Amino acid sequence: EKNFHLTLKFSGDVGELQIRDIEAGLVKACSRRRQFEILVSGLGAFPNARNPKVIWAGIQDPRKHLYSLWSDIEHELVRLGFAAETKHFSPHLTLGRIKDTKPAPGLGEILRSLQIKGHEIPVTEVKLMRSVLSRSGPEYSCLRSVFLQEHF
């Protein structure tokens, strides 16, 4: 569970000065947003269930709060000089990565049998994370948490 995450923006390798700029951009983007809920629904794998590299849970954002937050963060980071995202924002909760290169027969059926249906998750903060790759997998550390405004 400690490595479950929903990526809003991947910035690549950045220096300490850029980290401060990113923090300021996150604070600005999050200051305009209230806490909200998303729905976790469905399971799948990238690139596909026969050749899985990433296992994910789908995210539903019926009120577009997550999309609006993503858009604000994207705007702030593009303003700072980061490349604009070229792919459509497709939110998903990364549950784990698979290092084994062998095909996974039956994984599709397993994922379908374990489907998650409409589990609500509160979104209360955005974390700026550092990811360091190691032989045992990525190691994450939180550099900064930026909280969304509470509901009134």
Foldseek 3Di string as FASTA:
>chain_A
DVPWDKDLDDQPDDDPVVVVQLVVLLQVLQAVAEKDKKWFWAWAAPPGLFFHFWIWTFIHDPVCRSVSSSVSSQVSVVVVPGDHDPDDDGIIITDDGDPDRHTDPPRVVVRVVPIDHTDMDMDFWDFDWDWDADPVGIDIDTPDIHTHHYDD
